[in-house]
Structure formats: C-alpha cells, structure tokens
Amino acid sequence: MKSDPIIKVKTWMEQARNTEKSDADAISLATVDEMGFPNVRMVLLRKIETDSFVFFTNYTSKKAQEIEFSNKVAFSFHWKSLAKQIRVRGISEKEDGIIADEYYSSRDLGSRIGAWASRQSAVLKNRQELLQRVREAEKKFKNDPPRPSFWGGIRIRPLSIEFWTDGEFRLHERELWTRTKVDSAWSKCSLYP
C-alpha cells in the first residue's frame, strides 16, 4: 500500500461492502459540458483494475458525451457508515471490448433488454413509449440480447486520489496521492483538514 493508492481503494471498498446497506460501489461522477458547466450524478463503479476504475453506460448518454468531449472526469465515494470518502480525478477512455462484453453478459436479462430500449438522456414523451421499446427489444432478442455497440465501459485512469477519514473536532485525516501522467510513479502527501 506504500506505493499504490489503488490497493488502499480496494481495501476501503471491501470494508464498505461489509458496512453499507446497499450500493457500496456507488460514486458521484462529475463531468463538464462544452460550455464548461459541471454535471454530477450517481453511477455504480463496477470494476477496480490494477491501474484504473471502470463503470458502464450508454455511449449516447449525456455523461458519455461529456466524457468524450473532455476525457477528464472526477468521482467520489462517500461511505457514511465508515466515516470515509475517496476523491478521484483522472483521464477517461472507452472500454468497449471483452471487459464490456463480459460485464454486459453478467447483467440480468431485464437490464440487458433495458440497454437496448433506453435512449438514455433523450427526451421521453411518456412512459408508454419506453415500455413499447422494451417490448420490441424483448420480441427481437428473446433471451439473448447482444451487447449494443452504443453501450460499454468508461475506464478512468487516475491522476489524483485523495483519502479522507472523519476526525474528531473536524480534524480530519487527508492523504493525497498524485502523479503527472497515468504511467508515472505516485507521490503522497498529507493535507490540512
């Protein structure tokens, strides 16, 4: 753990899986649009690799378009039960190969059908329109919908990772890991609360 903050992320994630009632892998994901306005939303982080983090989405969604525009993202975990949070900033890239195929195949059938039916972030006239698209996808694909070409993973290669632990009298512990490029060595420092 001395030279690799991602190992510490994995350790904290395991602790959170034991204490959080649901969605220990929920992150607040921040992106920026073409006008420089930020957007934040909750997504589920589904994979922590040795050097990156991966979540999955519809590539036509607002978040995916904003990520493609800038290739820069930030996200944070917050686990109230542990009194800990992690903040990550990094560079993004698409993951639309075998990892996306494997994750898509592991999802419930309804979620796989939903990926085909939803035009994520597009204007929806009414709920019936969405339900009709679900019925059409069910009829077309039966029990074996393939992964859509417009759906896959976003890999985040971190440039900074901050670990925050709640402290008495708001004297929190903050540990910041940074690197200048995704293939550079990490450096670590402590921050005032």
C-alpha atoms as a PDB file:
ATOM      1  CA  MET A   1       0.000   0.000   0.000  1.00  0.00           C
ATOM      2  CA  LYS A   2       3.001   2.309   0.424  1.00  0.00           C
ATOM      3  CA  SER A   3       3.397   2.985  -3.308  1.00  0.00           C
ATOM      4  CA  ASP A   4      -0.041   2.153  -4.721  1.00  0.00           C
ATOM      5  CA  PRO A   5      -3.198   4.020  -3.693  1.00  0.00           C
ATOM      6  CA  ILE A   6      -5.439   1.714  -5.729  1.00  0.00           C
ATOM      7  CA  ILE A   7      -4.688  -1.090  -3.277  1.00  0.00           C
ATOM      8  CA  LYS A   8      -5.963   1.192  -0.497  1.00  0.00           C
ATOM      9  CA  VAL A   9      -9.105   1.952  -2.551  1.00  0.00           C
ATOM     10  CA  LYS A  10      -9.758  -1.794  -2.828  1.00  0.00           C
ATOM     11  CA  THR A  11      -9.245  -2.242   0.929  1.00  0.00           C
ATOM     12  CA  TRP A  12     -11.695   0.549   1.777  1.00  0.00           C
ATOM     13  CA  MET A  13     -14.172  -0.827  -0.785  1.00  0.00           C
ATOM     14  CA  GLU A  14     -14.104  -4.224   0.942  1.00  0.00           C
ATOM     15  CA  GLN A  15     -14.767  -2.530   4.285  1.00  0.00           C
ATOM     16  CA  ALA A  16     -17.676  -0.617   2.725  1.00  0.00           C
ATOM     17  CA  ARG A  17     -19.202  -3.792   1.286  1.00  0.00           C
ATOM     18  CA  ASN A  18     -19.416  -5.083   4.852  1.00  0.00           C
ATOM     19  CA  THR A  19     -20.988  -1.943   6.340  1.00  0.00           C
ATOM     20  CA  GLU A  20     -23.078  -0.194   3.667  1.00  0.00           C
ATOM     21  CA  LYS A  21     -26.686  -1.326   3.355  1.00  0.00           C
ATOM     22  CA  SER A  22     -26.671  -1.015  -0.428  1.00  0.00           C
ATOM     23  CA  ASP A  23     -24.510   0.101  -3.315  1.00  0.00           C
ATOM     24  CA  ALA A  24     -21.101   0.342  -1.650  1.00  0.00           C
ATOM     25  CA  ASP A  25     -19.811   0.873  -5.201  1.00  0.00           C
ATOM     26  CA  ALA A  26     -21.934   3.991  -5.802  1.00  0.00           C
ATOM     27  CA  ILE A  27     -19.902   7.018  -6.870  1.00  0.00           C
ATOM     28  CA  SER A  28     -20.832  10.601  -7.625  1.00  0.00           C
ATOM     29  CA  LEU A  29     -19.407  11.158 -11.098  1.00  0.00           C
ATOM     30  CA  ALA A  30     -18.589  14.683 -12.287  1.00  0.00           C
ATOM     31  CA  THR A  31     -18.219  15.705 -15.928  1.00  0.00           C
ATOM     32  CA  VAL A  32     -18.142  19.044 -17.729  1.00  0.00           C
ATOM     33  CA  ASP A  33     -20.101  20.003 -20.846  1.00  0.00           C
ATOM     34  CA  GLU A  34     -18.899  22.019 -23.863  1.00  0.00           C
ATOM     35  CA  MET A  35     -19.859  25.263 -22.106  1.00  0.00           C
ATOM     36  CA  GLY A  36     -17.776  24.405 -19.023  1.00  0.00           C
ATOM     37  CA  PHE A  37     -20.807  23.652 -16.823  1.00  0.00           C
ATOM     38  CA  PRO A  38     -20.362  20.701 -14.447  1.00  0.00           C
ATOM     39  CA  ASN A  39     -22.783  17.817 -14.111  1.00  0.00           C
ATOM     40  CA  VAL A  40     -22.793  15.329 -11.236  1.00  0.00           C
ATOM     41  CA  ARG A  41     -24.762  12.110 -10.985  1.00  0.00           C
ATOM     42  CA  MET A  42     -24.578   8.778  -9.172  1.00  0.00           C
ATOM     43  CA  VAL A  43     -23.328   5.732 -11.064  1.00  0.00           C
ATOM     44  CA  LEU A  44     -22.118   2.310  -9.964  1.00  0.00           C
ATOM     45  CA  LEU A  45     -18.406   1.641 -10.245  1.00  0.00           C
ATOM     46  CA  ARG A  46     -18.272  -1.964 -11.367  1.00  0.00           C
ATOM     47  CA  LYS A  47     -14.567  -2.739 -11.690  1.00  0.00           C
ATOM     48  CA  ILE A  48     -11.351  -1.689  -9.996  1.00  0.00           C
ATOM     49  CA  GLU A  49      -8.358  -2.719 -12.073  1.00  0.00           C
ATOM     50  CA  THR A  50      -4.700  -2.505 -11.078  1.00  0.00           C
ATOM     51  CA  ASP A  51      -4.395   0.975 -12.582  1.00  0.00           C
ATOM     52  CA  SER A  52      -7.932   2.186 -13.291  1.00  0.00           C
ATOM     53  CA  PHE A  53     -11.641   2.233 -12.452  1.00  0.00           C
ATOM     54  CA  VAL A  54     -14.469   1.169 -14.784  1.00  0.00           C
ATOM     55  CA  PHE A  55     -18.196   1.900 -14.928  1.00  0.00           C
ATOM     56  CA  PHE A  56     -20.639   1.106 -17.733  1.00  0.00           C
ATOM     57  CA  THR A  57     -23.116   3.276 -19.604  1.00  0.00           C
ATOM     58  CA  ASN A  58     -24.889   4.100 -22.836  1.00  0.00           C
ATOM     59  CA  TYR A  59     -22.381   5.979 -25.010  1.00  0.00           C
ATOM     60  CA  THR A  60     -25.121   8.286 -26.299  1.00  0.00           C
ATOM     61  CA  SER A  61     -25.933   9.477 -22.763  1.00  0.00           C
ATOM     62  CA  LYS A  62     -25.161  12.999 -21.619  1.00  0.00           C
ATOM     63  CA  LYS A  63     -22.389  11.795 -19.302  1.00  0.00           C
ATOM     64  CA  ALA A  64     -20.705   9.733 -22.022  1.00  0.00           C
ATOM     65  CA  GLN A  65     -20.860  12.643 -24.481  1.00  0.00           C
ATOM     66  CA  GLU A  66     -19.328  14.985 -21.899  1.00  0.00           C
ATOM     67  CA  ILE A  67     -16.626  12.457 -21.080  1.00  0.00           C
ATOM     68  CA  GLU A  68     -15.801  12.058 -24.769  1.00  0.00           C
ATOM     69  CA  PHE A  69     -15.656  15.845 -25.137  1.00  0.00           C
ATOM     70  CA  SER A  70     -13.036  16.397 -22.437  1.00  0.00           C
ATOM     71  CA  ASN A  71     -11.671  12.941 -21.491  1.00  0.00           C
ATOM     72  CA  LYS A  72     -11.451  14.294 -17.932  1.00  0.00           C
ATOM     73  CA  VAL A  73     -13.627  13.132 -15.034  1.00  0.00           C
ATOM     74  CA  ALA A  74     -13.809  13.195 -11.281  1.00  0.00           C
ATOM     75  CA  PHE A  75     -15.689  10.978  -8.877  1.00  0.00           C
ATOM     76  CA  SER A  76     -16.050  10.360  -5.178  1.00  0.00           C
ATOM     77  CA  PHE A  77     -17.089   7.565  -2.881  1.00  0.00           C
ATOM     78  CA  HIS A  78     -18.736   8.503   0.400  1.00  0.00           C
ATOM     79  CA  TRP A  79     -19.353   5.832   2.990  1.00  0.00           C
ATOM     80  CA  LYS A  80     -21.197   7.349   5.928  1.00  0.00           C
ATOM     81  CA  SER A  81     -21.050   4.105   7.889  1.00  0.00           C
ATOM     82  CA  LEU A  82     -17.232   4.176   7.728  1.00  0.00           C
ATOM     83  CA  ALA A  83     -16.876   7.959   8.027  1.00  0.00           C
ATOM     84  CA  LYS A  84     -14.628   7.825   4.948  1.00  0.00           C
ATOM     85  CA  GLN A  85     -14.568   9.167   1.452  1.00  0.00           C
ATOM     86  CA  ILE A  86     -12.310   8.928  -1.584  1.00  0.00           C
ATOM     87  CA  ARG A  87     -11.971  11.539  -4.317  1.00  0.00           C
ATOM     88  CA  VAL A  88     -10.509  10.634  -7.724  1.00  0.00           C
ATOM     89  CA  ARG A  89      -9.613  12.775 -10.741  1.00  0.00           C
ATOM     90  CA  GLY A  90      -8.377  11.295 -13.978  1.00  0.00           C
ATOM     91  CA  ILE A  91      -8.356  10.719 -17.697  1.00  0.00           C
ATOM     92  CA  SER A  92     -11.030   8.576 -19.339  1.00  0.00           C
ATOM     93  CA  GLU A  93     -11.205   6.177 -22.247  1.00  0.00           C
ATOM     94  CA  LYS A  94     -13.818   3.811 -23.652  1.00  0.00           C
ATOM     95  CA  GLU A  95     -13.793   0.153 -22.730  1.00  0.00           C
ATOM     96  CA  ASP A  96     -15.830  -1.465 -25.481  1.00  0.00           C
ATOM     97  CA  GLY A  97     -14.011  -4.779 -25.775  1.00  0.00           C
ATOM     98  CA  ILE A  98     -14.085  -8.054 -23.922  1.00  0.00           C
ATOM     99  CA  ILE A  99     -14.486  -6.480 -20.459  1.00  0.00           C
ATOM    100  CA  ALA A 100     -17.640  -4.677 -21.613  1.00  0.00           C
ATOM    101  CA  ASP A 101     -18.916  -7.894 -23.228  1.00  0.00           C
ATOM    102  CA  GLU A 102     -18.324  -9.889 -20.029  1.00  0.00           C
ATOM    103  CA  TYR A 103     -19.986  -7.331 -17.777  1.00  0.00           C
ATOM    104  CA  TYR A 104     -22.970  -6.920 -20.115  1.00  0.00           C
ATOM    105  CA  SER A 105     -23.465 -10.709 -20.203  1.00  0.00           C
ATOM    106  CA  SER A 106     -23.412 -10.849 -16.387  1.00  0.00           C
ATOM    107  CA  ARG A 107     -26.346  -8.438 -16.074  1.00  0.00           C
ATOM    108  CA  ASP A 108     -29.943  -9.520 -15.518  1.00  0.00           C
ATOM    109  CA  LEU A 109     -31.884 -10.122 -18.726  1.00  0.00           C
ATOM    110  CA  GLY A 110     -34.134  -7.141 -17.954  1.00  0.00           C
ATOM    111  CA  SER A 111     -31.134  -4.836 -17.675  1.00  0.00           C
ATOM    112  CA  ARG A 112     -29.720  -6.115 -20.974  1.00  0.00           C
ATOM    113  CA  ILE A 113     -33.076  -5.533 -22.673  1.00  0.00           C
ATOM    114  CA  GLY A 114     -33.263  -2.118 -20.998  1.00  0.00           C
ATOM    115  CA  ALA A 115     -29.921  -1.150 -22.526  1.00  0.00           C
ATOM    116  CA  TRP A 116     -31.479  -1.661 -25.963  1.00  0.00           C
ATOM    117  CA  ALA A 117     -34.781   0.021 -25.084  1.00  0.00           C
ATOM    118  CA  SER A 118     -33.446   3.172 -23.426  1.00  0.00           C
ATOM    119  CA  ARG A 119     -32.281   6.132 -25.454  1.00  0.00           C
ATOM    120  CA  GLN A 120     -30.519   7.396 -22.317  1.00  0.00           C
ATOM    121  CA  SER A 121     -30.775  11.164 -21.752  1.00  0.00           C
ATOM    122  CA  ALA A 122     -33.059  11.688 -24.790  1.00  0.00           C
ATOM    123  CA  VAL A 123     -36.461  13.320 -24.249  1.00  0.00           C
ATOM    124  CA  LEU A 124     -39.144  10.732 -23.413  1.00  0.00           C
ATOM    125  CA  LYS A 125     -42.710  11.582 -24.476  1.00  0.00           C
ATOM    126  CA  ASN A 126     -44.297   9.285 -21.909  1.00  0.00           C
ATOM    127  CA  ARG A 127     -43.685   6.042 -20.004  1.00  0.00           C
ATOM    128  CA  GLN A 128     -45.673   4.051 -22.587  1.00  0.00           C
ATOM    129  CA  GLU A 129     -43.103   4.935 -25.242  1.00  0.00           C
ATOM    130  CA  LEU A 130     -40.330   3.378 -23.133  1.00  0.00           C
ATOM    131  CA  LEU A 131     -42.400   0.285 -22.300  1.00  0.00           C
ATOM    132  CA  GLN A 132     -43.162  -0.187 -26.007  1.00  0.00           C
ATOM    133  CA  ARG A 133     -39.436  -0.059 -26.783  1.00  0.00           C
ATOM    134  CA  VAL A 134     -38.856  -2.702 -24.073  1.00  0.00           C
ATOM    135  CA  ARG A 135     -41.500  -4.994 -25.646  1.00  0.00           C
ATOM    136  CA  GLU A 136     -39.908  -4.525 -29.091  1.00  0.00           C
ATOM    137  CA  ALA A 137     -36.449  -5.395 -27.751  1.00  0.00           C
ATOM    138  CA  GLU A 138     -37.828  -8.465 -25.926  1.00  0.00           C
ATOM    139  CA  LYS A 139     -39.501  -9.655 -29.131  1.00  0.00           C
ATOM    140  CA  LYS A 140     -36.387  -9.049 -31.223  1.00  0.00           C
ATOM    141  CA  PHE A 141     -33.767 -10.552 -28.903  1.00  0.00           C
ATOM    142  CA  LYS A 142     -35.769 -13.053 -26.809  1.00  0.00           C
ATOM    143  CA  ASN A 143     -33.441 -14.276 -24.019  1.00  0.00           C
ATOM    144  CA  ASP A 144     -30.120 -13.450 -25.677  1.00  0.00           C
ATOM    145  CA  PRO A 145     -29.657  -9.750 -26.434  1.00  0.00           C
ATOM    146  CA  PRO A 146     -26.099  -8.979 -27.607  1.00  0.00           C
ATOM    147  CA  ARG A 147     -24.247  -6.007 -26.150  1.00  0.00           C
ATOM    148  CA  PRO A 148     -25.267  -2.922 -28.159  1.00  0.00           C
ATOM    149  CA  SER A 149     -22.442  -1.096 -29.927  1.00  0.00           C
ATOM    150  CA  PHE A 150     -23.623   2.091 -28.182  1.00  0.00           C
ATOM    151  CA  TRP A 151     -23.192   0.596 -24.699  1.00  0.00           C
ATOM    152  CA  GLY A 152     -19.968  -0.192 -22.877  1.00  0.00           C
ATOM    153  CA  GLY A 153     -17.483   0.823 -20.267  1.00  0.00           C
ATOM    154  CA  ILE A 154     -15.683   4.013 -19.352  1.00  0.00           C
ATOM    155  CA  ARG A 155     -12.255   3.449 -17.853  1.00  0.00           C
ATOM    156  CA  ILE A 156     -10.855   6.161 -15.581  1.00  0.00           C
ATOM    157  CA  ARG A 157      -7.078   6.291 -15.206  1.00  0.00           C
ATOM    158  CA  PRO A 158      -6.437   8.323 -12.053  1.00  0.00           C
ATOM    159  CA  LEU A 159      -4.023  11.233 -11.745  1.00  0.00           C
ATOM    160  CA  SER A 160      -5.016  12.020  -8.160  1.00  0.00           C
ATOM    161  CA  ILE A 161      -6.647  10.033  -5.374  1.00  0.00           C
ATOM    162  CA  GLU A 162      -7.491  11.586  -2.022  1.00  0.00           C
ATOM    163  CA  PHE A 163      -8.416   9.554   1.048  1.00  0.00           C
ATOM    164  CA  TRP A 164     -10.456  11.349   3.726  1.00  0.00           C
ATOM    165  CA  THR A 165     -11.238   9.982   7.177  1.00  0.00           C
ATOM    166  CA  ASP A 166     -13.521  11.796   9.595  1.00  0.00           C
ATOM    167  CA  GLY A 167     -11.742  13.191  12.627  1.00  0.00           C
ATOM    168  CA  GLU A 168     -12.893  14.433  15.994  1.00  0.00           C
ATOM    169  CA  PHE A 169     -13.493  18.216  16.112  1.00  0.00           C
ATOM    170  CA  ARG A 170     -13.364  18.225  12.283  1.00  0.00           C
ATOM    171  CA  LEU A 171      -9.633  17.470  12.394  1.00  0.00           C
ATOM    172  CA  HIS A 172      -9.989  15.034   9.509  1.00  0.00           C
ATOM    173  CA  GLU A 173      -7.197  12.945   8.059  1.00  0.00           C
ATOM    174  CA  ARG A 174      -6.495  13.670   4.394  1.00  0.00           C
ATOM    175  CA  GLU A 175      -3.968  11.785   2.296  1.00  0.00           C
ATOM    176  CA  LEU A 176      -3.381  12.877  -1.314  1.00  0.00           C
ATOM    177  CA  TRP A 177      -1.719  10.728  -3.946  1.00  0.00           C
ATOM    178  CA  THR A 178      -0.797  12.399  -7.259  1.00  0.00           C
ATOM    179  CA  ARG A 179       1.074  11.696 -10.456  1.00  0.00           C
ATOM    180  CA  THR A 180       1.671  13.810 -13.546  1.00  0.00           C
ATOM    181  CA  LYS A 181       0.825  11.120 -16.128  1.00  0.00           C
ATOM    182  CA  VAL A 182      -1.063   7.833 -15.954  1.00  0.00           C
ATOM    183  CA  ASP A 183       2.168   5.870 -16.270  1.00  0.00           C
ATOM    184  CA  SER A 184       4.148   7.972 -13.755  1.00  0.00           C
ATOM    185  CA  ALA A 185       5.016   6.952 -10.208  1.00  0.00           C
ATOM    186  CA  TRP A 186       2.746   8.124  -7.400  1.00  0.00           C
ATOM    187  CA  SER A 187       3.755  10.676  -4.791  1.00  0.00           C
ATOM    188  CA  LYS A 188       1.941  11.079  -1.473  1.00  0.00           C
ATOM    189  CA  CYS A 189       1.395  13.900   0.982  1.00  0.00           C
ATOM    190  CA  SER A 190      -0.941  14.792   3.836  1.00  0.00           C
ATOM    191  CA  LEU A 191      -3.300  17.767   3.690  1.00  0.00           C
ATOM    192  CA  TYR A 192      -4.679  20.008   6.402  1.00  0.00           C
ATOM    193  CA  PRO A 193      -8.345  19.221   7.130  1.00  0.00           C
END
